[in-house]
C-alpha atoms as a PDB file:
ATOM      1  CA  SER A   1      -4.398 -11.627 -30.921  1.00  0.00           C
ATOM      2  CA  ARG A   2      -7.852 -12.147 -29.654  1.00  0.00           C
ATOM      3  CA  LYS A   3      -8.381 -13.995 -26.265  1.00  0.00           C
ATOM      4  CA  ILE A   4     -10.491 -17.273 -26.569  1.00  0.00           C
ATOM      5  CA  ALA A   5     -13.313 -17.174 -24.009  1.00  0.00           C
ATOM      6  CA  CYS A   6     -14.406 -20.195 -21.946  1.00  0.00           C
ATOM      7  CA  ASP A   7     -17.637 -20.543 -23.801  1.00  0.00           C
ATOM      8  CA  GLY A   8     -17.551 -24.245 -25.061  1.00  0.00           C
ATOM      9  CA  ASP A   9     -16.120 -23.611 -28.639  1.00  0.00           C
ATOM     10  CA  TYR A  10     -12.736 -24.990 -27.508  1.00  0.00           C
ATOM     11  CA  ASN A  11     -11.571 -27.490 -24.804  1.00  0.00           C
ATOM     12  CA  CYS A  12     -10.144 -25.495 -22.097  1.00  0.00           C
ATOM     13  CA  ASP A  13      -8.180 -27.150 -19.421  1.00  0.00           C
ATOM     14  CA  SER A  14      -8.937 -24.267 -17.045  1.00  0.00           C
ATOM     15  CA  CYS A  15     -10.563 -20.807 -17.237  1.00  0.00           C
ATOM     16  CA  VAL A  16      -8.906 -17.837 -15.826  1.00  0.00           C
ATOM     17  CA  ALA A  17     -10.535 -14.450 -15.833  1.00  0.00           C
ATOM     18  CA  LYS A  18     -12.969 -15.890 -18.458  1.00  0.00           C
ATOM     19  CA  GLN A  19     -10.051 -16.784 -20.779  1.00  0.00           C
ATOM     20  CA  CYS A  20      -9.496 -20.308 -21.960  1.00  0.00           C
ATOM     21  CA  HIS A  21      -6.170 -21.817 -20.780  1.00  0.00           C
ATOM     22  CA  PHE A  22      -4.462 -25.031 -21.850  1.00  0.00           C
ATOM     23  CA  SER A  23      -2.028 -27.392 -20.036  1.00  0.00           C
ATOM     24  CA  ASN A  24       0.099 -30.165 -21.521  1.00  0.00           C
ATOM     25  CA  SER A  25       2.308 -32.569 -19.690  1.00  0.00           C
ATOM     26  CA  TYR A  26       5.044 -34.542 -21.405  1.00  0.00           C
ATOM     27  CA  GLU A  27       7.842 -37.006 -20.580  1.00  0.00           C
ATOM     28  CA  THR A  28      11.366 -36.788 -22.086  1.00  0.00           C
ATOM     29  CA  CYS A  29      11.625 -33.157 -21.173  1.00  0.00           C
ATOM     30  CA  ASN A  30      14.431 -33.855 -18.729  1.00  0.00           C
ATOM     31  CA  LEU A  31      17.329 -35.159 -20.824  1.00  0.00           C
ATOM     32  CA  THR A  32      19.008 -36.928 -17.802  1.00  0.00           C
ATOM     33  CA  ASP A  33      15.704 -38.487 -16.436  1.00  0.00           C
ATOM     34  CA  PRO A  34      13.493 -39.074 -19.717  1.00  0.00           C
ATOM     35  CA  THR A  35      10.580 -40.426 -17.647  1.00  0.00           C
ATOM     36  CA  GLN A  36      10.226 -37.351 -15.341  1.00  0.00           C
ATOM     37  CA  PRO A  37       7.033 -35.514 -16.415  1.00  0.00           C
ATOM     38  CA  CYS A  38       7.056 -31.780 -17.177  1.00  0.00           C
ATOM     39  CA  THR A  39       4.176 -29.346 -17.961  1.00  0.00           C
ATOM     40  CA  VAL A  40       3.601 -26.253 -19.967  1.00  0.00           C
ATOM     41  CA  SER A  41       0.424 -24.096 -19.695  1.00  0.00           C
ATOM     42  CA  GLY A  42      -1.074 -20.737 -20.659  1.00  0.00           C
ATOM     43  CA  PRO A  43      -3.791 -18.811 -22.270  1.00  0.00           C
ATOM     44  CA  VAL A  44      -5.435 -19.510 -25.558  1.00  0.00           C
ATOM     45  CA  TYR A  45      -5.686 -16.899 -28.456  1.00  0.00           C
ATOM     46  CA  LYS A  46      -6.951 -16.546 -32.047  1.00  0.00           C
ATOM     47  CA  ASP A  47      -4.816 -14.668 -34.607  1.00  0.00           C
ATOM     48  CA  PHE A  48      -3.675 -15.076 -38.255  1.00  0.00           C
ATOM     49  CA  PHE A  49      -0.961 -17.455 -39.302  1.00  0.00           C
ATOM     50  CA  THR A  50       0.780 -16.046 -42.304  1.00  0.00           C
ATOM     51  CA  LEU A  51       3.336 -17.392 -44.682  1.00  0.00           C
ATOM     52  CA  SER A  52       2.836 -15.089 -47.502  1.00  0.00           C
ATOM     53  CA  SER A  53       0.234 -12.572 -48.696  1.00  0.00           C
ATOM     54  CA  LYS A  54      -1.690 -15.453 -50.274  1.00  0.00           C
ATOM     55  CA  LEU A  55      -1.065 -18.016 -47.322  1.00  0.00           C
ATOM     56  CA  SER A  56      -2.903 -16.586 -44.424  1.00  0.00           C
ATOM     57  CA  VAL A  57      -5.576 -18.197 -42.204  1.00  0.00           C
ATOM     58  CA  PRO A  58      -7.032 -17.574 -38.674  1.00  0.00           C
ATOM     59  CA  VAL A  59      -5.772 -20.055 -36.179  1.00  0.00           C
ATOM     60  CA  VAL A  60      -6.269 -20.854 -32.485  1.00  0.00           C
ATOM     61  CA  PHE A  61      -3.141 -21.499 -30.420  1.00  0.00           C
ATOM     62  CA  GLY A  62      -1.956 -21.754 -26.767  1.00  0.00           C
ATOM     63  CA  ALA A  63       0.830 -19.518 -25.520  1.00  0.00           C
ATOM     64  CA  PHE A  64       3.115 -20.768 -22.921  1.00  0.00           C
ATOM     65  CA  ASN A  65       3.404 -18.637 -19.715  1.00  0.00           C
ATOM     66  CA  LYS A  66       4.278 -21.241 -17.332  1.00  0.00           C
ATOM     67  CA  GLN A  67       6.555 -24.312 -17.484  1.00  0.00           C
ATOM     68  CA  THR A  68       8.066 -26.701 -14.916  1.00  0.00           C
ATOM     69  CA  LYS A  69      11.785 -26.011 -14.239  1.00  0.00           C
ATOM     70  CA  ASN A  70      12.661 -29.432 -15.638  1.00  0.00           C
ATOM     71  CA  PHE A  71      11.561 -28.722 -19.230  1.00  0.00           C
ATOM     72  CA  GLN A  72      15.211 -28.705 -20.549  1.00  0.00           C
ATOM     73  CA  GLN A  73      14.490 -28.462 -24.209  1.00  0.00           C
ATOM     74  CA  PHE A  74      13.145 -24.807 -23.577  1.00  0.00           C
ATOM     75  CA  TYR A  75      16.471 -23.789 -22.293  1.00  0.00           C
ATOM     76  CA  VAL A  76      17.814 -23.711 -25.870  1.00  0.00           C
ATOM     77  CA  ILE A  77      14.843 -23.136 -28.157  1.00  0.00           C
ATOM     78  CA  ASP A  78      12.991 -19.912 -28.661  1.00  0.00           C
ATOM     79  CA  GLY A  79       9.742 -21.032 -30.198  1.00  0.00           C
ATOM     80  CA  VAL A  80       7.366 -24.113 -30.514  1.00  0.00           C
ATOM     81  CA  MET A  81       4.812 -24.695 -33.201  1.00  0.00           C
ATOM     82  CA  GLY A  82       2.505 -27.716 -32.751  1.00  0.00           C
ATOM     83  CA  PHE A  83       2.113 -30.091 -35.750  1.00  0.00           C
ATOM     84  CA  ALA A  84      -0.169 -32.528 -34.061  1.00  0.00           C
ATOM     85  CA  GLY A  85      -3.499 -32.791 -35.751  1.00  0.00           C
ATOM     86  CA  LEU A  86      -6.923 -32.080 -34.447  1.00  0.00           C
ATOM     87  CA  SER A  87      -7.410 -35.636 -33.231  1.00  0.00           C
ATOM     88  CA  VAL A  88      -4.806 -35.079 -30.506  1.00  0.00           C
ATOM     89  CA  SER A  89      -5.215 -31.429 -29.960  1.00  0.00           C
ATOM     90  CA  ASN A  90      -6.014 -30.512 -26.192  1.00  0.00           C
ATOM     91  CA  ILE A  91      -7.905 -27.551 -27.125  1.00  0.00           C
ATOM     92  CA  GLY A  92      -9.645 -29.027 -30.163  1.00  0.00           C
ATOM     93  CA  ALA A  93      -7.965 -26.712 -32.793  1.00  0.00           C
ATOM     94  CA  TYR A  94      -6.691 -27.423 -36.179  1.00  0.00           C
ATOM     95  CA  THR A  95      -2.915 -26.981 -37.036  1.00  0.00           C
ATOM     96  CA  PRO A  96      -2.009 -23.910 -39.189  1.00  0.00           C
ATOM     97  CA  PHE A  97      -1.425 -26.243 -42.048  1.00  0.00           C
ATOM     98  CA  GLU A  98      -4.606 -27.971 -41.759  1.00  0.00           C
ATOM     99  CA  LYS A  99      -6.440 -24.633 -41.748  1.00  0.00           C
ATOM    100  CA  LEU A 100      -4.441 -23.628 -44.936  1.00  0.00           C
ATOM    101  CA  TYR A 101      -5.552 -26.960 -46.620  1.00  0.00           C
ATOM    102  CA  GLN A 102      -9.151 -26.512 -45.526  1.00  0.00           C
ATOM    103  CA  ALA A 103      -9.123 -22.979 -46.932  1.00  0.00           C
ATOM    104  CA  LYS A 104      -7.946 -24.444 -50.253  1.00  0.00           C
ATOM    105  CA  LYS A 105      -4.754 -22.388 -50.025  1.00  0.00           C
ATOM    106  CA  LEU A 106      -2.655 -25.590 -50.406  1.00  0.00           C
ATOM    107  CA  GLU A 107      -3.304 -28.054 -53.109  1.00  0.00           C
ATOM    108  CA  ASP A 108      -2.229 -31.167 -51.139  1.00  0.00           C
ATOM    109  CA  ASP A 109      -2.628 -31.978 -47.402  1.00  0.00           C
ATOM    110  CA  ILE A 110       1.094 -32.288 -47.193  1.00  0.00           C
ATOM    111  CA  PHE A 111       3.597 -30.463 -44.928  1.00  0.00           C
ATOM    112  CA  ALA A 112       7.409 -30.940 -44.715  1.00  0.00           C
ATOM    113  CA  VAL A 113      10.259 -29.012 -42.819  1.00  0.00           C
ATOM    114  CA  CYS A 114      13.837 -28.987 -44.149  1.00  0.00           C
ATOM    115  CA  MET A 115      16.306 -27.486 -41.779  1.00  0.00           C
ATOM    116  CA  ASN A 116      19.892 -27.403 -42.714  1.00  0.00           C
ATOM    117  CA  ARG A 117      22.355 -25.142 -40.862  1.00  0.00           C
ATOM    118  CA  GLU A 118      25.087 -25.701 -43.295  1.00  0.00           C
ATOM    119  CA  GLU A 119      23.459 -24.451 -46.552  1.00  0.00           C
ATOM    120  CA  PRO A 120      21.530 -21.181 -46.610  1.00  0.00           C
ATOM    121  CA  TYR A 121      18.581 -21.281 -48.949  1.00  0.00           C
END
């Protein structure tokens, strides 16, 4: 991964040692007090998002290195991928699927996730 500099190409919430950092605050993180805010933050990087040898694009993403203790969902999950589009991106970056579509590696601007613990595919 390559560090993203604080040079104006992306919307940095802060700059630490000349590296762009993001910060996002949410509600509904504390399952017993859904209006209590919580925050995640960390550095921003550029790397390749790869689904197969033909589906690979460069993407910009934030990596969590800090979170408030009340972010209860992160007690049980081991990874997060943002699906929000550019219009709501804090750092001003396209999602991996938007990038795949822009690169004409997907025929349609459609993405779906199917998760089923009962039936292996």
